[in-house]
């Protein structure tokens, strides 16, 4: 295997095809990764799409994101000083790549190398107190001075305080809009400063305006980028608690700052502590846990590139094998109506683990995955946490 295949430095055409797949309305991250696993490349997957779900008699048609729009997205990303990074490339964040069904594509502006550094997230209330913002600044500054990059969501309140305190040491803003959209509007200047000296990351293409459904997706990236998440202030129903839950689900450290029981902004953080989150009263409380090296054996003078290259090489090896064997594997799978009906009979409106479907159907796992992908592409399937699926009714 040559070096370029090992490190997976992909061609512009393949990156464009990955962008098309990732932005297609009916192709989520799980289906995207299945397509690349089966076909070995986005280019081959796009070629196969017209016939892929032809055996599914009901459901919507598979609609690919137009090539012209993908080209425009790339041009607009470059125009705002950004770049497109796809999963499997050396520049894709290490910890985020290890999560279940990671984002296929990231739009990144600023210093993309920050995404390869040890990071901790700080999140909290938009309607934060003066003490909450002061504490967020103290934690962000303390972690930054110790070599950790700070990840947050560029929202009002705690997020803003954390970003401002870590600009000099390295801050990463994960946003739910396009790179060229300022939200909230009052943080336009901060957005620009982070894009200049820090890093701004989005899963959404340029021009995307804020929508309620995009913020939970943003939160999963915040959790995935960081070795730990610090919740400073959070109400019981808040995006910060969603981020903490997502972090806990993927095995990241969760910290919470205690607050007054009379302040509703502290209810969520206090509940996290009751549920087992680590109590934080100073930056040292966080550093003592992070520096145990659960994810990164932190040495601010060390070169982490060899580790990143090793991970990229392993990812590249798997993808290169798929590129050679994926099409053949797909051709070896003969999916007929009997197989489809067997799997459909095992599915219903209640979520079921895919492994259970494989076991009960007594069919090859890859054949079951292929039928599930067909149903997903045609809008007949809903995916749930824990590798569970259900039929749309």
Protein backbone atom coordinates (compact mmCIF):
# COMPACT_ATOMS: atom_id res chain seq x y z
CA UNK A 1 0.00 0.00 0.00
CA UNK A 2 1.42 3.38 -0.92
CA UNK A 3 1.68 6.27 1.51
CA UNK A 4 -1.13 8.28 -0.02
CA UNK A 5 -3.54 5.39 0.40
CA UNK A 6 -2.44 4.91 4.01
CA UNK A 7 -2.93 8.52 5.07
CA UNK A 8 -6.06 8.85 2.93
CA UNK A 9 -5.25 12.19 1.34
CA UNK A 10 -8.25 12.13 -0.95
CA UNK A 11 -8.73 13.80 -4.31
CA UNK A 12 -10.97 16.83 -4.72
CA UNK A 13 -13.47 14.77 -6.74
CA UNK A 14 -13.87 12.20 -3.96
CA UNK A 15 -14.25 14.98 -1.38
CA UNK A 16 -16.96 16.58 -3.52
CA UNK A 17 -18.80 13.25 -3.79
CA UNK A 18 -18.58 12.79 -0.02
CA UNK A 19 -20.08 16.24 0.41
CA UNK A 20 -22.93 15.30 -1.94
CA UNK A 21 -23.69 12.13 0.02
CA UNK A 22 -23.44 13.84 3.40
CA UNK A 23 -25.81 16.68 2.44
CA UNK A 24 -28.46 14.49 0.83
CA UNK A 25 -31.72 14.77 2.77
CA UNK A 26 -32.27 11.03 2.97
CA UNK A 27 -28.70 10.01 3.83
CA UNK A 28 -27.84 10.37 7.50
CA UNK A 29 -24.43 9.70 9.07
CA UNK A 30 -25.15 5.99 9.68
CA UNK A 31 -26.23 5.38 6.08
CA UNK A 32 -23.34 7.49 4.79
CA UNK A 33 -20.78 5.37 6.63
CA UNK A 34 -22.50 2.17 5.47
CA UNK A 35 -22.31 3.34 1.87
CA UNK A 36 -18.59 4.05 2.11
CA UNK A 37 -17.99 0.76 3.89
CA UNK A 38 -19.76 -1.21 1.17
CA UNK A 39 -18.55 0.64 -1.90
CA UNK A 40 -15.16 1.85 -0.70
CA UNK A 41 -15.62 5.43 -1.92
CA UNK A 42 -18.29 8.07 -2.28
CA UNK A 43 -17.68 8.12 -6.03
CA UNK A 44 -18.66 4.45 -6.35
CA UNK A 45 -21.58 4.85 -3.94
CA UNK A 46 -23.07 7.67 -6.02
CA UNK A 47 -22.80 5.52 -9.13
CA UNK A 48 -24.70 2.72 -7.37
CA UNK A 49 -27.42 4.88 -5.77
CA UNK A 50 -29.95 4.85 -8.66
CA UNK A 51 -30.27 1.07 -8.48
CA UNK A 52 -29.63 0.62 -4.78
CA UNK A 53 -33.21 0.90 -3.51
CA UNK A 54 -34.93 -0.27 -6.69
CA UNK A 55 -36.21 -3.37 -4.87
CA UNK A 56 -38.11 -1.29 -2.30
CA UNK A 57 -41.54 -0.87 -3.84
CA UNK A 58 -42.79 1.78 -1.41
CA UNK A 59 -41.15 4.90 -0.06
CA UNK A 60 -39.59 8.05 -1.45
CA UNK A 61 -37.04 8.19 -4.23
CA UNK A 62 -33.37 8.50 -3.40
CA UNK A 63 -32.44 12.14 -4.08
CA UNK A 64 -28.77 13.03 -4.26
CA UNK A 65 -27.59 16.49 -3.23
CA UNK A 66 -26.90 18.28 -6.53
CA UNK A 67 -23.30 18.46 -7.66
CA UNK A 68 -23.72 22.15 -8.50
CA UNK A 69 -24.77 22.94 -4.93
CA UNK A 70 -21.85 20.96 -3.54
CA UNK A 71 -19.45 22.93 -5.77
CA UNK A 72 -21.05 26.16 -4.59
CA UNK A 73 -20.67 25.07 -0.95
CA UNK A 74 -16.96 24.44 -1.48
CA UNK A 75 -16.50 27.82 -3.17
CA UNK A 76 -18.36 29.65 -0.39
CA UNK A 77 -16.35 27.80 2.26
CA UNK A 78 -13.09 28.86 0.61
CA UNK A 79 -14.41 32.42 0.24
CA UNK A 80 -14.73 32.75 4.03
CA UNK A 81 -11.26 31.32 4.57
CA UNK A 82 -12.44 27.81 5.35
CA UNK A 83 -11.93 24.26 4.18
CA UNK A 84 -13.94 21.05 3.91
CA UNK A 85 -12.65 18.12 6.00
CA UNK A 86 -14.24 14.69 5.63
CA UNK A 87 -14.21 11.73 7.99
CA UNK A 88 -11.23 9.49 7.26
CA UNK A 89 -8.87 12.30 6.29
CA UNK A 90 -5.83 13.00 8.51
CA UNK A 91 -7.22 16.40 9.55
CA UNK A 92 -10.47 15.00 10.95
CA UNK A 93 -10.61 15.36 14.79
CA UNK A 94 -9.36 12.22 16.49
CA UNK A 95 -11.89 11.92 19.32
CA UNK A 96 -14.83 12.90 17.13
CA UNK A 97 -13.87 10.18 14.65
CA UNK A 98 -14.19 7.60 17.43
CA UNK A 99 -17.85 8.38 18.18
CA UNK A 100 -20.76 6.36 16.81
CA UNK A 101 -21.66 7.60 13.33
CA UNK A 102 -19.49 10.75 13.41
CA UNK A 103 -20.32 13.69 11.13
CA UNK A 104 -19.26 12.75 7.59
CA UNK A 105 -18.18 16.27 6.71
CA UNK A 106 -16.99 19.33 8.64
CA UNK A 107 -16.71 22.89 7.40
CA UNK A 108 -13.78 24.51 9.19
CA UNK A 109 -12.43 28.05 9.25
CA UNK A 110 -9.39 29.34 11.13
CA UNK A 111 -6.64 27.13 12.52
CA UNK A 112 -7.80 23.58 11.75
CA UNK A 113 -4.78 22.17 13.61
CA UNK A 114 -6.55 23.05 16.87
CA UNK A 115 -8.94 20.19 16.14
CA UNK A 116 -6.04 17.77 16.63
CA UNK A 117 -5.14 19.11 20.08
CA UNK A 118 -6.39 17.92 23.51
CA UNK A 119 -9.63 19.77 24.23
CA UNK A 120 -12.22 20.27 26.95
CA UNK A 121 -15.70 21.72 26.47
CA UNK A 122 -17.27 24.39 28.65
CA UNK A 123 -21.01 24.97 28.24
CA UNK A 124 -23.80 26.58 30.19
CA UNK A 125 -26.73 28.93 30.37
CA UNK A 126 -27.31 31.69 27.85
CA UNK A 127 -28.99 33.72 30.61
CA UNK A 128 -26.00 33.31 32.88
CA UNK A 129 -25.19 35.08 36.12
CA UNK A 130 -22.17 37.34 36.62
CA UNK A 131 -20.61 34.72 38.91
CA UNK A 132 -21.28 31.99 36.38
CA UNK A 133 -19.51 33.89 33.62
CA UNK A 134 -16.60 34.73 35.92
CA UNK A 135 -16.19 31.06 36.85
CA UNK A 136 -16.37 30.00 33.18
CA UNK A 137 -13.58 32.47 32.40
CA UNK A 138 -11.47 31.15 35.27
CA UNK A 139 -11.86 27.52 34.16
CA UNK A 140 -11.23 28.34 30.51
CA UNK A 141 -8.12 30.36 31.32
CA UNK A 142 -6.79 27.73 33.71
CA UNK A 143 -7.27 24.87 31.27
CA UNK A 144 -5.86 26.95 28.43
CA UNK A 145 -2.70 27.77 30.38
CA UNK A 146 -2.27 24.04 31.04
CA UNK A 147 -2.35 23.29 27.29
CA UNK A 148 -5.99 22.37 26.76
CA UNK A 149 -8.05 23.90 23.96
CA UNK A 150 -11.54 25.09 24.89
CA UNK A 151 -14.59 23.94 22.93
CA UNK A 152 -17.95 25.69 23.21
CA UNK A 153 -20.97 26.66 21.14
CA UNK A 154 -20.58 30.44 20.61
CA UNK A 155 -23.90 31.06 22.36
CA UNK A 156 -24.61 33.94 24.69
CA UNK A 157 -23.58 33.75 28.33
CA UNK A 158 -21.30 30.93 29.47
CA UNK A 159 -20.16 29.97 25.95
CA UNK A 160 -19.16 33.54 25.18
CA UNK A 161 -17.23 33.88 28.44
CA UNK A 162 -15.36 30.61 27.83
CA UNK A 163 -14.38 31.61 24.29
CA UNK A 164 -13.23 35.09 25.28
CA UNK A 165 -11.03 33.75 28.09
CA UNK A 166 -9.37 31.17 25.85
CA UNK A 167 -8.77 33.15 22.66
CA UNK A 168 -5.05 33.47 23.33
CA UNK A 169 -4.55 29.79 24.21
CA UNK A 170 -6.79 28.31 21.53
CA UNK A 171 -10.58 28.16 21.36
CA UNK A 172 -12.91 26.14 19.11
CA UNK A 173 -16.43 27.36 18.37
CA UNK A 174 -18.89 24.74 17.13
CA UNK A 175 -21.85 26.41 15.47
CA UNK A 176 -25.22 25.21 14.19
CA UNK A 177 -25.26 27.53 11.18
CA UNK A 178 -23.07 27.96 8.12
CA UNK A 179 -19.59 29.40 8.64
CA UNK A 180 -20.73 32.65 7.02
CA UNK A 181 -23.78 33.16 9.27
CA UNK A 182 -23.41 35.10 12.53
CA UNK A 183 -25.59 33.72 15.30
CA UNK A 184 -26.33 35.16 17.73
CA UNK A 185 -25.85 38.48 15.91
CA UNK A 186 -24.21 40.17 18.92
CA UNK A 187 -21.37 37.64 18.72
CA UNK A 188 -20.43 38.56 15.16
CA UNK A 189 -17.19 40.20 16.29
CA UNK A 190 -16.28 37.23 18.52
CA UNK A 191 -17.06 34.87 15.63
CA UNK A 192 -14.65 36.80 13.43
CA UNK A 193 -11.91 36.83 16.08
CA UNK A 194 -12.19 33.08 16.63
CA UNK A 195 -12.05 32.48 12.87
CA UNK A 196 -8.87 34.57 12.84
CA UNK A 197 -6.92 33.14 15.79
CA UNK A 198 -8.96 30.08 16.80
CA UNK A 199 -11.17 27.63 14.94
CA UNK A 200 -14.83 27.66 13.89
CA UNK A 201 -16.50 24.34 13.01
CA UNK A 202 -19.87 23.50 11.49
CA UNK A 203 -21.54 20.42 10.10
CA UNK A 204 -23.76 22.60 7.94
CA UNK A 205 -22.85 24.18 4.58
CA UNK A 206 -22.40 27.94 4.16
CA UNK A 207 -25.60 29.92 4.15
CA UNK A 208 -27.42 27.64 6.62
CA UNK A 209 -29.58 29.73 8.94
CA UNK A 210 -30.30 28.78 12.59
CA UNK A 211 -33.01 26.16 13.14
CA UNK A 212 -34.06 24.48 16.36
CA UNK A 213 -33.26 20.98 15.09
CA UNK A 214 -29.65 21.90 14.27
CA UNK A 215 -28.56 22.74 17.83
CA UNK A 216 -28.70 19.18 19.22
CA UNK A 217 -26.58 18.12 16.25
CA UNK A 218 -24.14 20.90 17.13
CA UNK A 219 -24.10 19.69 20.74
CA UNK A 220 -23.07 16.16 19.76
CA UNK A 221 -20.02 17.60 17.97
CA UNK A 222 -19.08 19.64 21.04
CA UNK A 223 -19.26 16.47 23.15
CA UNK A 224 -17.37 14.43 20.56
CA UNK A 225 -14.47 16.87 20.19
CA UNK A 226 -13.71 17.03 23.91
CA UNK A 227 -12.20 14.67 26.46
CA UNK A 228 -14.48 16.25 29.06
CA UNK A 229 -17.44 18.62 29.34
CA UNK A 230 -17.78 21.22 32.11
CA UNK A 231 -21.33 22.48 32.76
CA UNK A 232 -21.23 25.80 34.59
CA UNK A 233 -24.90 26.80 34.77
CA UNK A 234 -27.82 24.98 33.18
CA UNK A 235 -31.57 24.83 33.65
CA UNK A 236 -33.27 21.44 33.85
CA UNK A 237 -34.31 21.55 30.20
CA UNK A 238 -31.36 22.96 28.31
CA UNK A 239 -28.96 22.26 25.50
CA UNK A 240 -26.11 22.10 28.01
CA UNK A 241 -27.66 19.05 29.65
CA UNK A 242 -28.07 17.47 26.22
CA UNK A 243 -24.34 18.00 25.64
CA UNK A 244 -23.54 16.48 29.04
CA UNK A 245 -25.75 13.47 28.33
CA UNK A 246 -24.16 12.92 24.93
CA UNK A 247 -20.70 13.19 26.49
CA UNK A 248 -21.59 10.62 29.13
CA UNK A 249 -22.96 8.24 26.48
CA UNK A 250 -19.66 8.22 24.62
CA UNK A 251 -17.59 7.80 27.76
CA UNK A 252 -16.27 11.33 28.17
CA UNK A 253 -15.75 12.96 31.58
CA UNK A 254 -18.63 15.15 32.76
CA UNK A 255 -18.08 17.95 35.30
CA UNK A 256 -20.59 20.31 36.86
CA UNK A 257 -20.32 23.48 38.93
CA UNK A 258 -22.65 23.50 41.96
CA UNK A 259 -24.95 26.45 42.45
CA UNK A 260 -27.64 27.83 44.72
CA UNK A 261 -30.71 25.59 45.03
CA UNK A 262 -32.77 28.77 44.74
CA UNK A 263 -31.37 29.65 41.29
CA UNK A 264 -33.12 27.79 38.42
CA UNK A 265 -29.98 28.28 36.35
CA UNK A 266 -28.21 25.85 38.68
CA UNK A 267 -30.87 23.14 38.80
CA UNK A 268 -29.42 21.22 35.86
CA UNK A 269 -25.82 21.34 37.08
CA UNK A 270 -26.84 20.32 40.60
CA UNK A 271 -28.83 17.40 39.18
CA UNK A 272 -25.80 16.30 37.16
CA UNK A 273 -23.75 16.17 40.37
CA UNK A 274 -26.49 14.11 42.04
CA UNK A 275 -26.35 11.74 39.06
CA UNK A 276 -22.59 11.28 39.31
CA UNK A 277 -20.96 14.17 37.47
CA UNK A 278 -17.71 15.38 39.03
CA UNK A 279 -18.11 18.47 41.20
CA UNK A 280 -15.99 21.45 40.15
CA UNK A 281 -14.92 24.32 42.37
CA UNK A 282 -11.71 25.30 40.55
CA UNK A 283 -9.83 24.61 37.29
CA UNK A 284 -7.61 22.19 39.23
CA UNK A 285 -10.59 19.87 39.81
CA UNK A 286 -10.93 19.46 36.05
CA UNK A 287 -7.22 19.26 35.30
CA UNK A 288 -6.63 16.51 37.86
CA UNK A 289 -9.05 14.28 35.98
CA UNK A 290 -8.06 15.25 32.44
CA UNK A 291 -4.36 14.88 33.13
CA UNK A 292 -4.81 11.27 34.16
CA UNK A 293 -4.58 10.73 30.43
CA UNK A 294 -7.84 8.86 29.86
CA UNK A 295 -7.79 10.19 26.30
CA UNK A 296 -4.58 12.19 26.01
CA UNK A 297 -1.47 11.68 28.15
CA UNK A 298 -1.08 15.45 28.23
CA UNK A 299 2.39 16.77 27.71
CA UNK A 300 2.23 20.26 26.31
CA UNK A 301 5.66 19.80 24.75
CA UNK A 302 5.00 16.48 23.09
CA UNK A 303 4.31 15.89 19.43
CA UNK A 304 0.91 14.21 19.04
CA UNK A 305 1.28 13.83 15.27
CA UNK A 306 2.66 10.24 15.41
CA UNK A 307 -0.44 9.10 17.29
CA UNK A 308 -2.71 10.94 14.87
CA UNK A 309 -0.88 9.49 11.89
CA UNK A 310 -1.23 6.01 13.34
CA UNK A 311 -4.98 6.46 13.74
CA UNK A 312 -5.23 7.94 10.24
CA UNK A 313 -3.22 5.05 8.86
CA UNK A 314 -5.53 2.50 10.47
CA UNK A 315 -8.62 4.34 9.22
CA UNK A 316 -7.04 4.65 5.81
CA UNK A 317 -6.21 0.95 5.75
CA UNK A 318 -9.80 -0.03 6.47
CA UNK A 319 -11.10 2.36 3.82
CA UNK A 320 -8.53 1.24 1.28
CA UNK A 321 -9.53 -2.37 1.82
CA UNK A 322 -13.12 -1.30 1.30
CA UNK A 323 -12.17 0.47 -1.92
CA UNK A 324 -10.70 -2.77 -3.22
CA UNK A 325 -13.25 -5.21 -1.86
CA UNK A 326 -16.38 -3.12 -1.33
CA UNK A 327 -17.85 -3.40 -4.82
CA UNK A 328 -17.16 -7.10 -4.98
CA UNK A 329 -18.83 -7.58 -1.58
CA UNK A 330 -21.88 -5.66 -2.79
CA UNK A 331 -22.09 -7.74 -5.96
CA UNK A 332 -21.93 -10.91 -3.86
CA UNK A 333 -25.00 -9.81 -1.92
CA UNK A 334 -28.14 -11.03 -3.65
CA UNK A 335 -31.06 -9.30 -1.94
CA UNK A 336 -34.43 -10.64 -3.04
CA UNK A 337 -38.03 -10.06 -1.96
CA UNK A 338 -37.94 -13.02 0.42
CA UNK A 339 -35.05 -11.44 2.32
CA UNK A 340 -36.74 -8.05 2.40
CA UNK A 341 -40.01 -9.49 3.67
CA UNK A 342 -38.24 -11.51 6.35
CA UNK A 343 -36.58 -8.35 7.67
CA UNK A 344 -39.73 -6.24 7.33
CA UNK A 345 -41.66 -8.80 9.38
CA UNK A 346 -39.13 -8.38 12.19
CA UNK A 347 -39.40 -4.59 12.19
CA UNK A 348 -42.20 -2.48 13.54
CA UNK A 349 -42.91 0.91 15.14
CA UNK A 350 -40.99 -0.02 18.31
CA UNK A 351 -37.17 0.32 18.10
CA UNK A 352 -35.20 -2.92 17.92
CA UNK A 353 -31.44 -3.50 17.89
CA UNK A 354 -30.02 -4.34 14.48
CA UNK A 355 -28.12 -7.26 16.04
CA UNK A 356 -31.44 -8.73 17.16
CA UNK A 357 -32.79 -8.48 13.61
CA UNK A 358 -29.69 -10.25 12.31
CA UNK A 359 -30.03 -13.02 14.88
CA UNK A 360 -33.76 -13.56 14.39
CA UNK A 361 -33.63 -13.40 10.58
CA UNK A 362 -30.74 -15.90 10.40
CA UNK A 363 -29.49 -13.90 7.42
CA UNK A 364 -25.93 -12.62 6.86
CA UNK A 365 -25.27 -9.40 8.75
CA UNK A 366 -24.22 -7.50 5.63
CA UNK A 367 -27.42 -8.54 3.84
CA UNK A 368 -29.52 -7.26 6.76
CA UNK A 369 -27.52 -4.02 6.80
CA UNK A 370 -28.12 -3.63 3.06
CA UNK A 371 -31.89 -3.98 3.41
CA UNK A 372 -31.93 -1.60 6.38
CA UNK A 373 -29.96 0.91 4.31
CA UNK A 374 -32.44 0.56 1.43
CA UNK A 375 -35.34 1.23 3.80
CA UNK A 376 -33.48 4.22 5.28
CA UNK A 377 -32.74 5.71 1.87
CA UNK A 378 -36.39 5.48 0.86
CA UNK A 379 -37.65 7.06 4.08
CA UNK A 380 -39.26 3.95 5.56
CA UNK A 381 -36.87 3.55 8.49
CA UNK A 382 -36.07 5.59 11.57
CA UNK A 383 -32.77 5.20 13.43
CA UNK A 384 -32.48 5.46 17.21
CA UNK A 385 -29.71 5.55 19.79
CA UNK A 386 -28.00 2.29 20.63
CA UNK A 387 -27.96 0.97 17.04
CA UNK A 388 -31.73 0.50 17.08
CA UNK A 389 -34.15 0.94 14.19
CA UNK A 390 -37.91 1.05 13.65
CA UNK A 391 -40.30 1.27 10.71
CA UNK A 392 -41.91 4.60 9.94
CA UNK A 393 -45.67 4.40 10.31
